[in-house]
Amino acid sequence: MIISSIDTLDQLNAISYSQFLESDLITFNLISAYVINNNLYSNLRAALQIESYSDYSLRLIDDNPESTYSAETLATFETYAPLADGVNYYFYPYSIKEFTSQFFSGLVPTLAESIISLMKSTGRITQIGGGSGKAIIVKTQLMTDVHFQSIPKTVSPQESILGITDALSSLTSYVKNNEYLYDVIAQKDQLIIALREEVNQLNNKVVSVYQTTWR
């Protein structure tokens, strides 16, 4: 079933929180931080086609025992996953486009964009890399009513039609009123023209009388 609107806070949290807890997302750890530091996204994606993340991690540790636990790796880990109660971090080594397709395909596009935008702005999604990104870090934290209220409310087709009808009615009234005002202005303009003509005629008569008097 395609979802076109978020009607409750529970529904919002099911989409932006619960589904990640129930998914097979990679738990963000030092190996994830090492992948970020060394730009190993393609390497990890290829490996996940043939082995588990756990096996990949063990192989990476065997090959790079010191680097995977270095101060640099730890700093990256703490940057992206600061310790907080009741919060989990997950690593998604693909683009935001693929992330949207996997986790938000059941939503209409505009609603999916709104929720993803909300998650980004509140730190629940961190995209690594420009454009569509190279990876995503997901922070699982419950939304509040304030977040729920910020989601644009979807207008039903019936409401849209009523809105269009009201807008057309308002536009018709506006046009009608403008036509009336235009007619009033036109009448005023004609009156001004007539008065000016009358003034000109009176001025001509005055000049004529003046010239006759002085002959």
N, C-alpha and C. Protein backbone atom coordinates (compact mmCIF):
# COMPACT_ATOMS: atom_id res chain seq x y z
N MET A 1 0.84 -1.20 0.00
CA MET A 1 0.00 0.00 0.00
C MET A 1 0.88 1.25 0.00
N ILE A 2 0.57 2.16 -0.87
CA ILE A 2 1.32 3.41 -0.98
C ILE A 2 0.80 4.42 0.04
N ILE A 3 1.70 5.00 0.80
CA ILE A 3 1.34 6.00 1.82
C ILE A 3 1.49 7.40 1.22
N SER A 4 0.43 8.19 1.32
CA SER A 4 0.46 9.54 0.75
C SER A 4 0.43 10.63 1.82
N SER A 5 0.23 10.22 3.09
CA SER A 5 0.22 11.22 4.16
C SER A 5 0.60 10.56 5.49
N ILE A 6 1.16 11.37 6.38
CA ILE A 6 1.49 10.91 7.73
C ILE A 6 0.44 11.49 8.66
N ASP A 7 -0.37 10.62 9.26
CA ASP A 7 -1.51 11.08 10.05
C ASP A 7 -1.27 11.07 11.55
N THR A 8 -0.25 10.34 12.02
CA THR A 8 0.01 10.28 13.46
C THR A 8 1.52 10.28 13.71
N LEU A 9 1.90 10.63 14.93
CA LEU A 9 3.31 10.60 15.32
C LEU A 9 3.83 9.16 15.29
N ASP A 10 3.01 8.21 15.71
CA ASP A 10 3.42 6.79 15.68
C ASP A 10 3.76 6.35 14.26
N GLN A 11 2.98 6.81 13.31
CA GLN A 11 3.22 6.46 11.91
C GLN A 11 4.55 7.06 11.44
N LEU A 12 4.81 8.30 11.84
CA LEU A 12 6.08 8.94 11.49
C LEU A 12 7.26 8.18 12.08
N ASN A 13 7.14 7.76 13.33
CA ASN A 13 8.23 7.04 13.98
C ASN A 13 8.42 5.63 13.41
N ALA A 14 7.34 5.05 12.93
CA ALA A 14 7.46 3.72 12.30
C ALA A 14 8.33 3.82 11.05
N ILE A 15 8.21 4.94 10.34
CA ILE A 15 8.95 5.14 9.10
C ILE A 15 10.36 5.66 9.34
N SER A 16 10.50 6.58 10.28
CA SER A 16 11.79 7.24 10.48
C SER A 16 12.63 6.64 11.61
N TYR A 17 12.08 5.64 12.31
CA TYR A 17 12.79 5.08 13.46
C TYR A 17 12.73 3.54 13.49
N SER A 18 11.53 3.02 13.70
CA SER A 18 11.37 1.58 13.93
C SER A 18 11.87 0.72 12.78
N GLN A 19 11.63 1.14 11.55
CA GLN A 19 12.00 0.28 10.42
C GLN A 19 13.51 0.05 10.35
N PHE A 20 14.30 0.99 10.84
CA PHE A 20 15.75 0.82 10.82
C PHE A 20 16.22 -0.15 11.90
N LEU A 21 15.53 -0.14 13.02
CA LEU A 21 15.87 -1.08 14.09
C LEU A 21 15.60 -2.51 13.66
N GLU A 22 14.62 -2.66 12.79
CA GLU A 22 14.20 -4.00 12.34
C GLU A 22 14.87 -4.42 11.04
N SER A 23 15.73 -3.57 10.50
CA SER A 23 16.36 -3.86 9.21
C SER A 23 17.70 -4.58 9.40
N ASP A 24 18.35 -4.89 8.29
CA ASP A 24 19.67 -5.54 8.35
C ASP A 24 20.78 -4.53 8.10
N LEU A 25 20.54 -3.27 8.46
CA LEU A 25 21.56 -2.24 8.30
C LEU A 25 22.80 -2.59 9.12
N ILE A 26 23.95 -2.16 8.63
CA ILE A 26 25.22 -2.39 9.32
C ILE A 26 25.31 -1.47 10.54
N THR A 27 25.64 -2.04 11.68
CA THR A 27 25.85 -1.23 12.87
C THR A 27 27.14 -0.42 12.67
N PHE A 28 27.04 0.89 12.85
CA PHE A 28 28.21 1.75 12.65
C PHE A 28 29.25 1.48 13.74
N ASN A 29 30.48 1.16 13.30
CA ASN A 29 31.55 0.84 14.24
C ASN A 29 32.88 1.34 13.70
N LEU A 30 33.98 0.91 14.30
CA LEU A 30 35.29 1.38 13.88
C LEU A 30 35.63 0.95 12.45
N ILE A 31 35.12 -0.19 12.05
CA ILE A 31 35.36 -0.63 10.66
C ILE A 31 34.68 0.33 9.69
N SER A 32 33.47 0.74 10.03
CA SER A 32 32.75 1.71 9.19
C SER A 32 33.54 3.01 9.11
N ALA A 33 34.08 3.44 10.25
CA ALA A 33 34.87 4.67 10.28
C ALA A 33 36.13 4.52 9.44
N TYR A 34 36.74 3.34 9.48
CA TYR A 34 37.94 3.06 8.68
C TYR A 34 37.60 3.12 7.19
N VAL A 35 36.45 2.58 6.82
CA VAL A 35 36.00 2.62 5.43
C VAL A 35 35.85 4.08 4.97
N ILE A 36 35.28 4.91 5.83
CA ILE A 36 35.10 6.33 5.50
C ILE A 36 36.45 7.02 5.34
N ASN A 37 37.34 6.81 6.28
CA ASN A 37 38.66 7.46 6.24
C ASN A 37 39.46 7.10 4.99
N ASN A 38 39.30 5.86 4.54
CA ASN A 38 40.11 5.37 3.43
C ASN A 38 39.33 5.25 2.11
N ASN A 39 38.13 5.81 2.11
CA ASN A 39 37.33 5.83 0.88
C ASN A 39 37.17 4.43 0.29
N LEU A 40 36.81 3.49 1.14
CA LEU A 40 36.70 2.09 0.73
C LEU A 40 35.25 1.68 0.42
N TYR A 41 34.43 2.62 0.04
CA TYR A 41 33.00 2.34 -0.20
C TYR A 41 32.81 1.28 -1.29
N SER A 42 33.49 1.47 -2.42
CA SER A 42 33.35 0.51 -3.52
C SER A 42 33.86 -0.86 -3.11
N ASN A 43 34.96 -0.86 -2.35
CA ASN A 43 35.54 -2.11 -1.87
C ASN A 43 34.56 -2.85 -0.97
N LEU A 44 33.90 -2.11 -0.08
CA LEU A 44 32.92 -2.71 0.83
C LEU A 44 31.70 -3.22 0.07
N ARG A 45 31.21 -2.43 -0.88
CA ARG A 45 30.03 -2.85 -1.66
C ARG A 45 30.31 -4.15 -2.40
N ALA A 46 31.50 -4.24 -3.01
CA ALA A 46 31.87 -5.45 -3.75
C ALA A 46 31.96 -6.65 -2.80
N ALA A 47 32.54 -6.41 -1.62
CA ALA A 47 32.70 -7.50 -0.65
C ALA A 47 31.36 -8.02 -0.16
N LEU A 48 30.40 -7.10 0.03
CA LEU A 48 29.09 -7.50 0.56
C LEU A 48 28.30 -8.36 -0.44
N GLN A 49 28.77 -8.41 -1.69
CA GLN A 49 28.12 -9.27 -2.67
C GLN A 49 28.48 -10.74 -2.45
N ILE A 50 29.60 -10.98 -1.74
CA ILE A 50 30.07 -12.36 -1.61
C ILE A 50 30.30 -12.80 -0.16
N GLU A 51 30.28 -11.83 0.79
CA GLU A 51 30.51 -12.18 2.19
C GLU A 51 29.76 -11.24 3.12
N SER A 52 29.68 -11.61 4.36
CA SER A 52 28.99 -10.79 5.35
C SER A 52 29.88 -9.63 5.78
N TYR A 53 29.26 -8.65 6.40
CA TYR A 53 30.02 -7.51 6.91
C TYR A 53 30.96 -7.97 8.02
N SER A 54 30.53 -8.93 8.80
CA SER A 54 31.36 -9.47 9.87
C SER A 54 32.64 -10.09 9.31
N ASP A 55 32.50 -10.88 8.23
CA ASP A 55 33.67 -11.50 7.61
C ASP A 55 34.58 -10.45 6.99
N TYR A 56 33.96 -9.45 6.37
CA TYR A 56 34.73 -8.36 5.78
C TYR A 56 35.53 -7.63 6.86
N SER A 57 34.89 -7.39 8.00
CA SER A 57 35.55 -6.70 9.11
C SER A 57 36.75 -7.48 9.62
N LEU A 58 36.59 -8.77 9.80
CA LEU A 58 37.69 -9.61 10.29
C LEU A 58 38.86 -9.61 9.31
N ARG A 59 38.53 -9.65 8.03
CA ARG A 59 39.59 -9.66 7.01
C ARG A 59 40.33 -8.31 6.99
N LEU A 60 39.56 -7.24 7.17
CA LEU A 60 40.16 -5.90 7.17
C LEU A 60 41.07 -5.72 8.39
N ILE A 61 40.64 -6.24 9.52
CA ILE A 61 41.45 -6.15 10.75
C ILE A 61 42.74 -6.97 10.61
N ASP A 62 42.64 -8.13 10.00
CA ASP A 62 43.82 -8.97 9.79
C ASP A 62 44.83 -8.27 8.88
N ASP A 63 44.32 -7.59 7.86
CA ASP A 63 45.19 -6.92 6.89
C ASP A 63 45.74 -5.60 7.43
N ASN A 64 44.97 -4.92 8.31
CA ASN A 64 45.37 -3.60 8.79
C ASN A 64 45.12 -3.50 10.30
N PRO A 65 45.79 -4.30 11.10
CA PRO A 65 45.49 -4.34 12.54
C PRO A 65 45.68 -3.01 13.27
N GLU A 66 46.65 -2.24 12.85
CA GLU A 66 46.92 -0.98 13.54
C GLU A 66 46.01 0.15 13.04
N SER A 67 45.83 0.23 11.73
CA SER A 67 45.06 1.33 11.14
C SER A 67 43.60 1.29 11.53
N THR A 68 43.04 0.10 11.65
CA THR A 68 41.62 0.00 11.95
C THR A 68 41.29 0.46 13.37
N TYR A 69 42.30 0.52 14.22
CA TYR A 69 42.07 0.98 15.60
C TYR A 69 42.91 2.22 15.92
N SER A 70 43.25 2.96 14.91
CA SER A 70 44.09 4.15 15.11
C SER A 70 43.29 5.30 15.71
N ALA A 71 44.01 6.33 16.17
CA ALA A 71 43.36 7.52 16.74
C ALA A 71 42.51 8.22 15.68
N GLU A 72 42.99 8.18 14.45
CA GLU A 72 42.25 8.82 13.35
C GLU A 72 40.91 8.12 13.13
N THR A 73 40.94 6.80 13.15
CA THR A 73 39.71 6.02 12.97
C THR A 73 38.75 6.28 14.13
N LEU A 74 39.28 6.31 15.33
CA LEU A 74 38.46 6.57 16.51
C LEU A 74 37.83 7.97 16.45
N ALA A 75 38.59 8.95 15.98
CA ALA A 75 38.07 10.32 15.88
C ALA A 75 36.91 10.40 14.90
N THR A 76 37.04 9.68 13.78
CA THR A 76 35.96 9.65 12.79
C THR A 76 34.72 8.98 13.37
N PHE A 77 34.95 7.88 14.08
CA PHE A 77 33.83 7.17 14.70
C PHE A 77 33.09 8.09 15.68
N GLU A 78 33.82 8.79 16.52
CA GLU A 78 33.19 9.66 17.52
C GLU A 78 32.53 10.88 16.89
N THR A 79 33.04 11.30 15.74
CA THR A 79 32.44 12.43 15.03
C THR A 79 31.06 12.08 14.51
N TYR A 80 30.94 10.91 13.92
CA TYR A 80 29.68 10.50 13.31
C TYR A 80 28.75 9.78 14.28
N ALA A 81 29.28 9.27 15.37
CA ALA A 81 28.43 8.51 16.30
C ALA A 81 28.72 8.91 17.75
N PRO A 82 28.45 10.16 18.10
CA PRO A 82 28.67 10.59 19.50
C PRO A 82 27.78 9.78 20.44
N LEU A 83 28.32 9.44 21.58
CA LEU A 83 27.60 8.60 22.55
C LEU A 83 26.36 9.32 23.07
N ALA A 84 25.22 8.66 23.03
CA ALA A 84 23.96 9.23 23.53
C ALA A 84 23.04 8.10 23.95
N ASP A 85 22.34 8.28 25.05
CA ASP A 85 21.43 7.25 25.56
C ASP A 85 20.27 7.01 24.60
N GLY A 86 19.95 5.75 24.40
CA GLY A 86 18.80 5.40 23.57
C GLY A 86 18.97 5.66 22.10
N VAL A 87 20.20 5.85 21.65
CA VAL A 87 20.46 6.15 20.24
C VAL A 87 21.36 5.09 19.63
N ASN A 88 21.00 4.62 18.46
CA ASN A 88 21.83 3.67 17.71
C ASN A 88 22.26 4.31 16.39
N TYR A 89 23.41 3.87 15.89
CA TYR A 89 23.91 4.39 14.62
C TYR A 89 24.11 3.22 13.65
N TYR A 90 23.71 3.47 12.40
CA TYR A 90 23.86 2.44 11.37
C TYR A 90 24.57 3.02 10.16
N PHE A 91 25.20 2.12 9.41
CA PHE A 91 26.00 2.51 8.24
C PHE A 91 25.39 1.92 6.98
N TYR A 92 25.14 2.78 6.02
CA TYR A 92 24.57 2.34 4.74
C TYR A 92 25.54 2.79 3.64
N PRO A 93 26.32 1.87 3.08
CA PRO A 93 27.39 2.23 2.14
C PRO A 93 26.93 2.43 0.69
N TYR A 94 25.82 3.09 0.52
CA TYR A 94 25.29 3.36 -0.82
C TYR A 94 24.75 4.79 -0.87
N SER A 95 24.25 5.18 -2.01
CA SER A 95 23.80 6.57 -2.21
C SER A 95 22.44 6.83 -1.56
N ILE A 96 22.11 8.11 -1.46
CA ILE A 96 20.81 8.51 -0.90
C ILE A 96 19.69 8.03 -1.82
N LYS A 97 19.97 7.94 -3.10
CA LYS A 97 18.96 7.44 -4.04
C LYS A 97 18.61 5.99 -3.74
N GLU A 98 19.63 5.18 -3.51
CA GLU A 98 19.41 3.77 -3.18
C GLU A 98 18.77 3.63 -1.80
N PHE A 99 19.18 4.50 -0.88
CA PHE A 99 18.61 4.50 0.46
C PHE A 99 17.11 4.77 0.40
N THR A 100 16.74 5.78 -0.40
CA THR A 100 15.33 6.14 -0.56
C THR A 100 14.55 5.00 -1.18
N SER A 101 15.13 4.39 -2.20
CA SER A 101 14.46 3.28 -2.89
C SER A 101 14.24 2.09 -1.95
N GLN A 102 15.20 1.83 -1.08
CA GLN A 102 15.09 0.67 -0.19
C GLN A 102 14.14 0.90 0.98
N PHE A 103 14.17 2.09 1.55
CA PHE A 103 13.43 2.31 2.80
C PHE A 103 12.18 3.20 2.66
N PHE A 104 12.04 3.90 1.55
CA PHE A 104 10.91 4.81 1.42
C PHE A 104 10.11 4.60 0.13
N SER A 105 10.24 3.44 -0.46
CA SER A 105 9.54 3.18 -1.73
C SER A 105 8.03 3.09 -1.54
N GLY A 106 7.58 2.87 -0.30
CA GLY A 106 6.15 2.78 -0.04
C GLY A 106 5.47 4.12 0.16
N LEU A 107 6.24 5.20 0.03
CA LEU A 107 5.69 6.54 0.19
C LEU A 107 5.66 7.26 -1.16
N VAL A 108 4.70 8.15 -1.33
CA VAL A 108 4.71 8.96 -2.54
C VAL A 108 5.97 9.83 -2.50
N PRO A 109 6.56 10.16 -3.64
CA PRO A 109 7.85 10.86 -3.67
C PRO A 109 7.94 12.13 -2.83
N THR A 110 6.91 12.98 -2.89
CA THR A 110 6.98 14.24 -2.14
C THR A 110 7.01 14.00 -0.63
N LEU A 111 6.29 12.98 -0.17
CA LEU A 111 6.28 12.66 1.26
C LEU A 111 7.63 12.08 1.67
N ALA A 112 8.19 11.20 0.84
CA ALA A 112 9.50 10.62 1.12
C ALA A 112 10.55 11.72 1.22
N GLU A 113 10.49 12.68 0.30
CA GLU A 113 11.44 13.80 0.31
C GLU A 113 11.30 14.62 1.58
N SER A 114 10.06 14.83 2.03
CA SER A 114 9.82 15.62 3.24
C SER A 114 10.41 14.93 4.48
N ILE A 115 10.21 13.62 4.59
CA ILE A 115 10.71 12.89 5.75
C ILE A 115 12.24 12.81 5.73
N ILE A 116 12.80 12.55 4.55
CA ILE A 116 14.26 12.49 4.44
C ILE A 116 14.87 13.86 4.77
N SER A 117 14.24 14.91 4.28
CA SER A 117 14.70 16.27 4.58
C SER A 117 14.65 16.55 6.08
N LEU A 118 13.58 16.09 6.73
CA LEU A 118 13.44 16.26 8.18
C LEU A 118 14.52 15.48 8.91
N MET A 119 14.77 14.26 8.47
CA MET A 119 15.79 13.43 9.11
C MET A 119 17.18 14.03 8.93
N LYS A 120 17.43 14.60 7.78
CA LYS A 120 18.73 15.24 7.54
C LYS A 120 18.90 16.47 8.43
N SER A 121 17.86 17.31 8.47
CA SER A 121 17.95 18.57 9.22
C SER A 121 18.06 18.35 10.73
N THR A 122 17.60 17.19 11.20
CA THR A 122 17.65 16.89 12.64
C THR A 122 18.80 15.93 13.00
N GLY A 123 19.67 15.67 12.03
CA GLY A 123 20.84 14.83 12.30
C GLY A 123 20.57 13.35 12.34
N ARG A 124 19.39 12.93 11.92
CA ARG A 124 19.05 11.50 11.92
C ARG A 124 19.58 10.80 10.67
N ILE A 125 19.92 11.58 9.67
CA ILE A 125 20.59 11.08 8.48
C ILE A 125 21.78 11.99 8.20
N THR A 126 22.95 11.38 8.05
CA THR A 126 24.13 12.13 7.65
C THR A 126 24.64 11.53 6.35
N GLN A 127 24.63 12.34 5.30
CA GLN A 127 25.11 11.87 4.00
C GLN A 127 26.59 12.17 3.87
N ILE A 128 27.35 11.18 3.44
CA ILE A 128 28.79 11.36 3.22
C ILE A 128 29.04 11.45 1.71
N GLY A 129 29.65 12.56 1.30
CA GLY A 129 29.92 12.76 -0.12
C GLY A 129 28.88 13.64 -0.76
N GLY A 130 29.27 14.37 -1.79
CA GLY A 130 28.36 15.27 -2.48
C GLY A 130 27.43 14.54 -3.43
N GLY A 131 26.53 15.30 -4.06
CA GLY A 131 25.57 14.70 -5.00
C GLY A 131 24.67 13.71 -4.29
N SER A 132 24.62 12.51 -4.82
CA SER A 132 23.80 11.45 -4.21
C SER A 132 24.50 10.81 -3.02
N GLY A 133 25.79 11.15 -2.85
CA GLY A 133 26.52 10.63 -1.70
C GLY A 133 27.15 9.27 -1.93
N LYS A 134 28.11 8.96 -1.06
CA LYS A 134 28.80 7.67 -1.12
C LYS A 134 28.29 6.71 -0.06
N ALA A 135 27.75 7.28 1.02
CA ALA A 135 27.26 6.45 2.13
C ALA A 135 26.33 7.29 3.00
N ILE A 136 25.59 6.60 3.86
CA ILE A 136 24.64 7.24 4.76
C ILE A 136 24.87 6.71 6.17
N ILE A 137 24.85 7.61 7.14
CA ILE A 137 24.86 7.19 8.54
C ILE A 137 23.49 7.53 9.11
N VAL A 138 22.83 6.53 9.66
CA VAL A 138 21.48 6.69 10.20
C VAL A 138 21.54 6.71 11.73
N LYS A 139 20.97 7.74 12.29
CA LYS A 139 20.87 7.85 13.75
C LYS A 139 19.42 7.57 14.13
N THR A 140 19.20 6.53 14.92
CA THR A 140 17.82 6.19 15.28
C THR A 140 17.43 6.88 16.57
N GLN A 141 16.49 7.78 16.45
CA GLN A 141 16.00 8.54 17.60
C GLN A 141 14.54 8.90 17.33
N LEU A 142 13.71 8.70 18.33
CA LEU A 142 12.28 8.96 18.15
C LEU A 142 12.01 10.42 17.81
N MET A 143 11.04 10.62 16.93
CA MET A 143 10.56 11.95 16.60
C MET A 143 9.57 12.41 17.69
N THR A 144 9.37 13.71 17.76
CA THR A 144 8.41 14.28 18.71
C THR A 144 7.24 14.90 17.96
N ASP A 145 6.28 15.41 18.70
CA ASP A 145 5.12 16.02 18.07
C ASP A 145 5.52 17.26 17.26
N VAL A 146 6.57 17.94 17.70
CA VAL A 146 7.06 19.11 16.96
C VAL A 146 7.50 18.69 15.56
N HIS A 147 8.21 17.56 15.49
CA HIS A 147 8.63 17.05 14.18
C HIS A 147 7.42 16.65 13.34
N PHE A 148 6.47 16.01 13.98
CA PHE A 148 5.26 15.57 13.27
C PHE A 148 4.52 16.76 12.66
N GLN A 149 4.42 17.84 13.42
CA GLN A 149 3.70 19.02 12.93
C GLN A 149 4.41 19.69 11.76
N SER A 150 5.71 19.44 11.63
CA SER A 150 6.47 20.07 10.54
C SER A 150 6.31 19.36 9.20
N ILE A 151 5.77 18.14 9.24
CA ILE A 151 5.54 17.40 7.99
C ILE A 151 4.39 18.04 7.23
N PRO A 152 4.59 18.44 5.96
CA PRO A 152 3.50 19.04 5.18
C PRO A 152 2.30 18.10 5.11
N LYS A 153 1.13 18.63 5.36
CA LYS A 153 -0.08 17.82 5.31
C LYS A 153 -0.54 17.67 3.85
N THR A 154 -0.83 16.44 3.49
CA THR A 154 -1.28 16.16 2.12
C THR A 154 -2.74 16.56 1.96
N VAL A 155 -3.01 17.26 0.88
CA VAL A 155 -4.38 17.68 0.59
C VAL A 155 -5.04 16.64 -0.30
N SER A 156 -6.24 16.21 0.07
CA SER A 156 -6.95 15.20 -0.70
C SER A 156 -7.43 15.79 -2.03
N PRO A 157 -7.70 14.92 -3.03
CA PRO A 157 -8.21 15.43 -4.31
C PRO A 157 -9.48 16.26 -4.14
N GLN A 158 -10.37 15.82 -3.22
CA GLN A 158 -11.62 16.56 -3.00
C GLN A 158 -11.32 17.96 -2.47
N GLU A 159 -10.38 18.04 -1.51
CA GLU A 159 -10.00 19.34 -0.97
C GLU A 159 -9.34 20.21 -2.03
N SER A 160 -8.55 19.57 -2.89
CA SER A 160 -7.89 20.32 -3.97
C SER A 160 -8.93 20.92 -4.91
N ILE A 161 -9.95 20.09 -5.26
CA ILE A 161 -11.00 20.58 -6.16
C ILE A 161 -11.76 21.74 -5.53
N LEU A 162 -12.07 21.61 -4.22
CA LEU A 162 -12.76 22.69 -3.52
C LEU A 162 -11.90 23.95 -3.50
N GLY A 163 -10.60 23.75 -3.29
CA GLY A 163 -9.69 24.89 -3.28
C GLY A 163 -9.63 25.57 -4.62
N ILE A 164 -9.60 24.77 -5.70
CA ILE A 164 -9.58 25.32 -7.05
C ILE A 164 -10.88 26.06 -7.34
N THR A 165 -12.01 25.46 -6.91
CA THR A 165 -13.31 26.09 -7.12
C THR A 165 -13.38 27.44 -6.41
N ASP A 166 -12.89 27.47 -5.15
CA ASP A 166 -12.89 28.72 -4.39
C ASP A 166 -11.99 29.75 -5.06
N ALA A 167 -10.84 29.28 -5.56
CA ALA A 167 -9.91 30.20 -6.21
C ALA A 167 -10.52 30.79 -7.49
N LEU A 168 -11.21 29.93 -8.26
CA LEU A 168 -11.85 30.40 -9.49
C LEU A 168 -12.97 31.39 -9.17
N SER A 169 -13.73 31.09 -8.09
CA SER A 169 -14.81 31.99 -7.68
C SER A 169 -14.24 33.35 -7.27
N SER A 170 -13.14 33.30 -6.52
CA SER A 170 -12.49 34.54 -6.08
C SER A 170 -11.95 35.31 -7.27
N LEU A 171 -11.37 34.57 -8.25
CA LEU A 171 -10.82 35.22 -9.44
C LEU A 171 -11.94 35.85 -10.27
N THR A 172 -13.08 35.15 -10.36
CA THR A 172 -14.22 35.70 -11.11
C THR A 172 -14.72 37.00 -10.48
N SER A 173 -14.80 36.98 -9.14
CA SER A 173 -15.22 38.19 -8.43
C SER A 173 -14.23 39.32 -8.65
N TYR A 174 -12.95 38.97 -8.64
CA TYR A 174 -11.89 39.97 -8.83
C TYR A 174 -12.01 40.60 -10.23
N VAL A 175 -12.22 39.75 -11.24
CA VAL A 175 -12.35 40.24 -12.61
C VAL A 175 -13.59 41.13 -12.74
N LYS A 176 -14.69 40.65 -12.15
CA LYS A 176 -15.95 41.41 -12.21
C LYS A 176 -15.79 42.79 -11.56
N ASN A 177 -15.17 42.82 -10.39
CA ASN A 177 -14.96 44.09 -9.69
C ASN A 177 -14.03 45.00 -10.49
N ASN A 178 -13.01 44.42 -11.09
CA ASN A 178 -12.08 45.21 -11.89
C ASN A 178 -12.76 45.82 -13.12
N GLU A 179 -13.64 45.02 -13.73
CA GLU A 179 -14.38 45.53 -14.89
C GLU A 179 -15.27 46.70 -14.50
N TYR A 180 -15.89 46.58 -13.32
CA TYR A 180 -16.74 47.67 -12.82
C TYR A 180 -15.90 48.92 -12.59
N LEU A 181 -14.75 48.74 -11.93
CA LEU A 181 -13.89 49.88 -11.65
C LEU A 181 -13.35 50.50 -12.94
N TYR A 182 -13.07 49.64 -13.90
CA TYR A 182 -12.59 50.14 -15.20
C TYR A 182 -13.66 51.00 -15.87
N ASP A 183 -14.92 50.54 -15.80
CA ASP A 183 -16.03 51.31 -16.38
C ASP A 183 -16.19 52.65 -15.68
N VAL A 184 -16.07 52.64 -14.34
CA VAL A 184 -16.20 53.89 -13.58
C VAL A 184 -15.10 54.85 -13.98
N ILE A 185 -13.85 54.33 -14.08
CA ILE A 185 -12.72 55.17 -14.47
C ILE A 185 -12.91 55.72 -15.88
N ALA A 186 -13.41 54.85 -16.78
CA ALA A 186 -13.64 55.28 -18.16
C ALA A 186 -14.67 56.41 -18.21
N GLN A 187 -15.72 56.28 -17.40
CA GLN A 187 -16.74 57.34 -17.34
C GLN A 187 -16.14 58.64 -16.80
N LYS A 188 -15.30 58.51 -15.78
CA LYS A 188 -14.63 59.69 -15.23
C LYS A 188 -13.75 60.35 -16.28
N ASP A 189 -13.04 59.52 -17.04
CA ASP A 189 -12.15 60.05 -18.09
C ASP A 189 -12.96 60.81 -19.14
N GLN A 190 -14.12 60.24 -19.52
CA GLN A 190 -14.97 60.90 -20.50
C GLN A 190 -15.49 62.23 -19.96
N LEU A 191 -15.83 62.23 -18.67
CA LEU A 191 -16.31 63.46 -18.06
C LEU A 191 -15.21 64.52 -18.04
N ILE A 192 -14.00 64.11 -17.73
CA ILE A 192 -12.86 65.04 -17.72
C ILE A 192 -12.62 65.61 -19.10
N ILE A 193 -12.69 64.73 -20.12
CA ILE A 193 -12.50 65.19 -21.50
C ILE A 193 -13.57 66.21 -21.88
N ALA A 194 -14.84 65.91 -21.49
CA ALA A 194 -15.95 66.82 -21.80
C ALA A 194 -15.77 68.15 -21.09
N LEU A 195 -15.35 68.13 -19.83
CA LEU A 195 -15.13 69.36 -19.07
C LEU A 195 -13.99 70.18 -19.67
N ARG A 196 -12.93 69.51 -20.09
CA ARG A 196 -11.82 70.21 -20.72
C ARG A 196 -12.26 70.88 -22.02
N GLU A 197 -13.10 70.17 -22.78
CA GLU A 197 -13.61 70.73 -24.03
C GLU A 197 -14.47 71.95 -23.75
N GLU A 198 -15.28 71.84 -22.70
CA GLU A 198 -16.13 72.98 -22.33
C GLU A 198 -15.29 74.17 -21.89
N VAL A 199 -14.23 73.90 -21.11
CA VAL A 199 -13.32 74.97 -20.68
C VAL A 199 -12.66 75.62 -21.88
N ASN A 200 -12.23 74.82 -22.84
CA ASN A 200 -11.61 75.36 -24.05
C ASN A 200 -12.59 76.26 -24.82
N GLN A 201 -13.84 75.81 -24.92
CA GLN A 201 -14.85 76.61 -25.62
C GLN A 201 -15.09 77.93 -24.90
N LEU A 202 -15.16 77.90 -23.57
CA LEU A 202 -15.35 79.12 -22.79
C LEU A 202 -14.16 80.06 -22.95
N ASN A 203 -12.93 79.47 -22.95
CA ASN A 203 -11.74 80.29 -23.14
C ASN A 203 -11.76 80.96 -24.52
N ASN A 204 -12.20 80.21 -25.53
CA ASN A 204 -12.27 80.78 -26.87
C ASN A 204 -13.28 81.92 -26.94
N LYS A 205 -14.42 81.76 -26.25
CA LYS A 205 -15.44 82.81 -26.23
C LYS A 205 -14.91 84.07 -25.53
N VAL A 206 -14.16 83.85 -24.41
CA VAL A 206 -13.59 84.99 -23.69
C VAL A 206 -12.61 85.74 -24.58
N VAL A 207 -11.77 85.00 -25.27
CA VAL A 207 -10.80 85.63 -26.18
C VAL A 207 -11.50 86.39 -27.28
N SER A 208 -12.57 85.79 -27.81
CA SER A 208 -13.32 86.44 -28.90
C SER A 208 -13.97 87.74 -28.42
N VAL A 209 -14.57 87.70 -27.23
CA VAL A 209 -15.21 88.89 -26.70
C VAL A 209 -14.16 89.97 -26.41
N TYR A 210 -13.00 89.53 -25.89
CA TYR A 210 -11.92 90.47 -25.57
C TYR A 210 -11.43 91.19 -26.83
N GLN A 211 -11.25 90.40 -27.91
CA GLN A 211 -10.77 90.98 -29.16
C GLN A 211 -11.82 91.91 -29.76
N THR A 212 -13.09 91.58 -29.66
CA THR A 212 -14.17 92.43 -30.20
C THR A 212 -14.25 93.74 -29.43
N THR A 213 -14.07 93.68 -28.17
CA THR A 213 -14.14 94.88 -27.31
C THR A 213 -13.04 95.87 -27.65
N TRP A 214 -11.88 95.42 -28.00
CA TRP A 214 -10.74 96.32 -28.24
C TRP A 214 -10.63 96.77 -29.69
N ARG A 215 -11.55 96.46 -30.52
CA ARG A 215 -11.49 96.92 -31.92
C ARG A 215 -12.03 98.34 -32.04
